[in-house]
Structure formats: C-alpha cells, structure tokens
C-alpha cells in the first residue's frame, strides 16, 4: 500500500514539475515583452540623456584640445560631470538584464527610443552624428 502511494506521489510531482517547466519556457517571451512595455519610456529617456552627454563631452574635449583655455577646461569638466547620467543608464540596463532581457532586446529598446524621437531619417542621423 505504501509503495503504491509513493509511486503515485512521485508521478504527480513529476507531472507538476514538467508542467511548471513547460509553462515557464512558454511564458518567458511574454514576460520579456511585458518588461519591455513597462520600461521602454524610462529606458528611452536614459538613452537620450546619455547619448547627449557623450556628444557634449566629445565636443568639449575636441574644443579644449584645439583651444586650450580656462573656459574650455571648465566646459570640459562640466561635460565630464554630465556623463554621470550614463551611469544611471548603465545601472538601469543591468537591472533589465537581471530581470531577463537579452542584449538583443535592449538594442531593440534603444532603437525604438531613437525612432520615437525622430520623425525622419535626417533626425535619426543627427542623433548619432558627432559634430565638432
């Protein structure tokens, strides 16, 4: 009697585990899409702010190298402080990775953020172009 009960219990537990794994695998894409929908807006803002900070820093660095002065040094220092927003962006991105998003999904979110801000190809190019 006890042997039959143990076999039955083992079978039901095995079926429950198998169903749980199957639901987990099937539900993962849905989970990722939900994460993207919830976080797209905030992530997009951080992408834009970090992109602008990097562009400003690069331009200030080139200007300081070409025209060394106290003013250009102060602008460069200010641009370096502005790069702190990129740390927030990086931390947010790592958090999304820990929640299950892949690098491809994060890339898609970055492209979506850029496309939302740009109404035509010239604006997309201007977003990525470094001018000095």
C-alpha atoms as a PDB file:
ATOM      1  CA  UNK A   1       0.000   0.000   0.000  1.00  0.00           C
ATOM      2  CA  UNK A   2       2.715   2.456   0.988  1.00  0.00           C
ATOM      3  CA  UNK A   3       4.646   1.605  -2.171  1.00  0.00           C
ATOM      4  CA  UNK A   4       1.686   2.488  -4.405  1.00  0.00           C
ATOM      5  CA  UNK A   5       1.193   5.779  -2.560  1.00  0.00           C
ATOM      6  CA  UNK A   6       4.879   6.699  -3.075  1.00  0.00           C
ATOM      7  CA  UNK A   7       4.711   5.827  -6.774  1.00  0.00           C
ATOM      8  CA  UNK A   8       1.556   7.893  -7.192  1.00  0.00           C
ATOM      9  CA  UNK A   9       3.082  10.826  -5.288  1.00  0.00           C
ATOM     10  CA  UNK A  10       6.284  10.633  -7.353  1.00  0.00           C
ATOM     11  CA  UNK A  11       4.249  10.600 -10.581  1.00  0.00           C
ATOM     12  CA  UNK A  12       2.105  13.603  -9.609  1.00  0.00           C
ATOM     13  CA  UNK A  13       5.175  15.587  -8.510  1.00  0.00           C
ATOM     14  CA  UNK A  14       6.988  14.750 -11.753  1.00  0.00           C
ATOM     15  CA  UNK A  15       3.966  15.864 -13.794  1.00  0.00           C
ATOM     16  CA  UNK A  16       3.708  19.098 -11.774  1.00  0.00           C
ATOM     17  CA  UNK A  17       7.400  19.857 -12.313  1.00  0.00           C
ATOM     18  CA  UNK A  18       7.151  19.109 -16.042  1.00  0.00           C
ATOM     19  CA  UNK A  19       4.110  21.390 -16.394  1.00  0.00           C
ATOM     20  CA  UNK A  20       5.866  24.130 -14.436  1.00  0.00           C
ATOM     21  CA  UNK A  21       8.917  23.965 -16.676  1.00  0.00           C
ATOM     22  CA  UNK A  22       6.773  23.965 -19.815  1.00  0.00           C
ATOM     23  CA  UNK A  23       4.782  26.981 -18.610  1.00  0.00           C
ATOM     24  CA  UNK A  24       7.994  28.762 -17.633  1.00  0.00           C
ATOM     25  CA  UNK A  25       9.561  28.221 -21.059  1.00  0.00           C
ATOM     26  CA  UNK A  26       6.372  29.213 -22.873  1.00  0.00           C
ATOM     27  CA  UNK A  27       5.827  32.246 -20.651  1.00  0.00           C
ATOM     28  CA  UNK A  28       9.355  33.676 -20.950  1.00  0.00           C
ATOM     29  CA  UNK A  29       8.709  35.611 -24.196  1.00  0.00           C
ATOM     30  CA  UNK A  30       5.539  37.069 -22.694  1.00  0.00           C
ATOM     31  CA  UNK A  31       7.461  38.083 -19.557  1.00  0.00           C
ATOM     32  CA  UNK A  32      10.126  39.810 -21.664  1.00  0.00           C
ATOM     33  CA  UNK A  33       7.563  41.726 -23.707  1.00  0.00           C
ATOM     34  CA  UNK A  34       5.871  42.897 -20.513  1.00  0.00           C
ATOM     35  CA  UNK A  35       9.251  44.097 -19.194  1.00  0.00           C
ATOM     36  CA  UNK A  36       9.864  45.990 -22.418  1.00  0.00           C
ATOM     37  CA  UNK A  37       6.448  47.653 -22.340  1.00  0.00           C
ATOM     38  CA  UNK A  38       6.829  48.715 -18.710  1.00  0.00           C
ATOM     39  CA  UNK A  39      10.398  50.031 -19.027  1.00  0.00           C
ATOM     40  CA  UNK A  40      10.557  51.448 -22.572  1.00  0.00           C
ATOM     41  CA  UNK A  41       9.763  55.036 -21.620  1.00  0.00           C
ATOM     42  CA  UNK A  42      12.280  55.362 -18.769  1.00  0.00           C
ATOM     43  CA  UNK A  43      14.963  53.463 -20.659  1.00  0.00           C
ATOM     44  CA  UNK A  44      14.387  55.661 -23.714  1.00  0.00           C
ATOM     45  CA  UNK A  45      14.873  58.825 -21.641  1.00  0.00           C
ATOM     46  CA  UNK A  46      18.142  57.492 -20.245  1.00  0.00           C
ATOM     47  CA  UNK A  47      19.326  56.518 -23.739  1.00  0.00           C
ATOM     48  CA  UNK A  48      18.653  60.041 -24.976  1.00  0.00           C
ATOM     49  CA  UNK A  49      20.266  61.729 -21.982  1.00  0.00           C
ATOM     50  CA  UNK A  50      23.403  59.552 -22.102  1.00  0.00           C
ATOM     51  CA  UNK A  51      23.711  59.984 -25.859  1.00  0.00           C
ATOM     52  CA  UNK A  52      23.532  63.761 -25.470  1.00  0.00           C
ATOM     53  CA  UNK A  53      26.025  63.736 -22.591  1.00  0.00           C
ATOM     54  CA  UNK A  54      28.523  61.697 -24.603  1.00  0.00           C
ATOM     55  CA  UNK A  55      28.142  64.000 -27.595  1.00  0.00           C
ATOM     56  CA  UNK A  56      28.613  67.098 -25.404  1.00  0.00           C
ATOM     57  CA  UNK A  57      31.676  65.575 -23.757  1.00  0.00           C
ATOM     58  CA  UNK A  58      33.253  64.670 -27.085  1.00  0.00           C
ATOM     59  CA  UNK A  59      32.674  68.157 -28.468  1.00  0.00           C
ATOM     60  CA  UNK A  60      34.044  69.795 -25.303  1.00  0.00           C
ATOM     61  CA  UNK A  61      37.108  67.539 -25.405  1.00  0.00           C
ATOM     62  CA  UNK A  62      37.843  68.414 -29.038  1.00  0.00           C
ATOM     63  CA  UNK A  63      37.299  72.119 -28.331  1.00  0.00           C
ATOM     64  CA  UNK A  64      39.594  72.009 -25.272  1.00  0.00           C
ATOM     65  CA  UNK A  65      42.303  70.258 -27.295  1.00  0.00           C
ATOM     66  CA  UNK A  66      42.063  72.768 -30.145  1.00  0.00           C
ATOM     67  CA  UNK A  67      41.630  75.895 -27.967  1.00  0.00           C
ATOM     68  CA  UNK A  68      43.146  75.340 -24.524  1.00  0.00           C
ATOM     69  CA  UNK A  69      41.851  77.936 -22.101  1.00  0.00           C
ATOM     70  CA  UNK A  70      40.279  78.172 -18.682  1.00  0.00           C
ATOM     71  CA  UNK A  71      36.840  78.472 -20.242  1.00  0.00           C
ATOM     72  CA  UNK A  72      37.264  75.378 -22.422  1.00  0.00           C
ATOM     73  CA  UNK A  73      38.638  73.472 -19.403  1.00  0.00           C
ATOM     74  CA  UNK A  74      35.583  74.412 -17.344  1.00  0.00           C
ATOM     75  CA  UNK A  75      33.275  73.351 -20.155  1.00  0.00           C
ATOM     76  CA  UNK A  76      35.119  70.036 -20.414  1.00  0.00           C
ATOM     77  CA  UNK A  77      34.816  69.487 -16.662  1.00  0.00           C
ATOM     78  CA  UNK A  78      31.105  70.295 -16.835  1.00  0.00           C
ATOM     79  CA  UNK A  79      30.679  67.833 -19.705  1.00  0.00           C
ATOM     80  CA  UNK A  80      32.500  65.160 -17.677  1.00  0.00           C
ATOM     81  CA  UNK A  81      30.091  65.663 -14.790  1.00  0.00           C
ATOM     82  CA  UNK A  82      27.245  65.366 -17.289  1.00  0.00           C
ATOM     83  CA  UNK A  83      28.420  61.840 -18.095  1.00  0.00           C
ATOM     84  CA  UNK A  84      27.086  60.711 -14.703  1.00  0.00           C
ATOM     85  CA  UNK A  85      23.724  60.149 -16.364  1.00  0.00           C
ATOM     86  CA  UNK A  86      25.394  57.353 -18.329  1.00  0.00           C
ATOM     87  CA  UNK A  87      25.999  55.549 -15.051  1.00  0.00           C
ATOM     88  CA  UNK A  88      22.257  55.666 -14.349  1.00  0.00           C
ATOM     89  CA  UNK A  89      21.649  54.331 -17.860  1.00  0.00           C
ATOM     90  CA  UNK A  90      24.151  51.511 -17.328  1.00  0.00           C
ATOM     91  CA  UNK A  91      22.660  50.538 -13.957  1.00  0.00           C
ATOM     92  CA  UNK A  92      19.144  50.531 -15.418  1.00  0.00           C
ATOM     93  CA  UNK A  93      20.316  48.388 -18.310  1.00  0.00           C
ATOM     94  CA  UNK A  94      21.986  45.900 -15.943  1.00  0.00           C
ATOM     95  CA  UNK A  95      18.794  45.744 -13.899  1.00  0.00           C
ATOM     96  CA  UNK A  96      16.795  44.898 -17.022  1.00  0.00           C
ATOM     97  CA  UNK A  97      19.323  42.195 -17.854  1.00  0.00           C
ATOM     98  CA  UNK A  98      18.911  40.717 -14.384  1.00  0.00           C
ATOM     99  CA  UNK A  99      15.138  40.640 -14.896  1.00  0.00           C
ATOM    100  CA  UNK A 100      15.675  38.553 -18.042  1.00  0.00           C
ATOM    101  CA  UNK A 101      16.097  40.835 -21.054  1.00  0.00           C
ATOM    102  CA  UNK A 102      18.793  39.940 -23.564  1.00  0.00           C
ATOM    103  CA  UNK A 103      21.216  42.294 -25.307  1.00  0.00           C
ATOM    104  CA  UNK A 104      19.149  41.998 -28.492  1.00  0.00           C
ATOM    105  CA  UNK A 105      16.033  43.126 -26.653  1.00  0.00           C
ATOM    106  CA  UNK A 106      17.903  46.057 -25.097  1.00  0.00           C
ATOM    107  CA  UNK A 107      19.177  47.002 -28.560  1.00  0.00           C
ATOM    108  CA  UNK A 108      15.610  46.944 -29.841  1.00  0.00           C
ATOM    109  CA  UNK A 109      14.565  49.207 -26.962  1.00  0.00           C
ATOM    110  CA  UNK A 110      17.389  51.664 -27.805  1.00  0.00           C
ATOM    111  CA  UNK A 111      16.374  51.764 -31.465  1.00  0.00           C
ATOM    112  CA  UNK A 112      12.739  52.245 -30.522  1.00  0.00           C
ATOM    113  CA  UNK A 113      13.705  55.167 -28.271  1.00  0.00           C
ATOM    114  CA  UNK A 114      15.679  56.802 -31.077  1.00  0.00           C
ATOM    115  CA  UNK A 115      12.903  56.266 -33.616  1.00  0.00           C
ATOM    116  CA  UNK A 116      10.286  57.730 -31.263  1.00  0.00           C
ATOM    117  CA  UNK A 117      12.212  60.997 -31.125  1.00  0.00           C
ATOM    118  CA  UNK A 118      12.950  61.188 -34.834  1.00  0.00           C
ATOM    119  CA  UNK A 119      10.265  61.944 -37.372  1.00  0.00           C
ATOM    120  CA  UNK A 120      12.501  61.376 -40.394  1.00  0.00           C
ATOM    121  CA  UNK A 121      15.871  59.916 -41.387  1.00  0.00           C
ATOM    122  CA  UNK A 122      17.677  63.247 -41.005  1.00  0.00           C
ATOM    123  CA  UNK A 123      16.765  63.348 -37.307  1.00  0.00           C
ATOM    124  CA  UNK A 124      17.974  59.769 -36.789  1.00  0.00           C
ATOM    125  CA  UNK A 125      21.282  60.659 -38.428  1.00  0.00           C
ATOM    126  CA  UNK A 126      21.576  63.842 -36.382  1.00  0.00           C
ATOM    127  CA  UNK A 127      21.035  61.817 -33.189  1.00  0.00           C
ATOM    128  CA  UNK A 128      24.022  59.600 -33.943  1.00  0.00           C
ATOM    129  CA  UNK A 129      26.225  62.122 -35.647  1.00  0.00           C
ATOM    130  CA  UNK A 130      29.056  63.648 -33.666  1.00  0.00           C
ATOM    131  CA  UNK A 131      29.633  67.241 -34.670  1.00  0.00           C
ATOM    132  CA  UNK A 132      32.575  69.348 -33.610  1.00  0.00           C
END
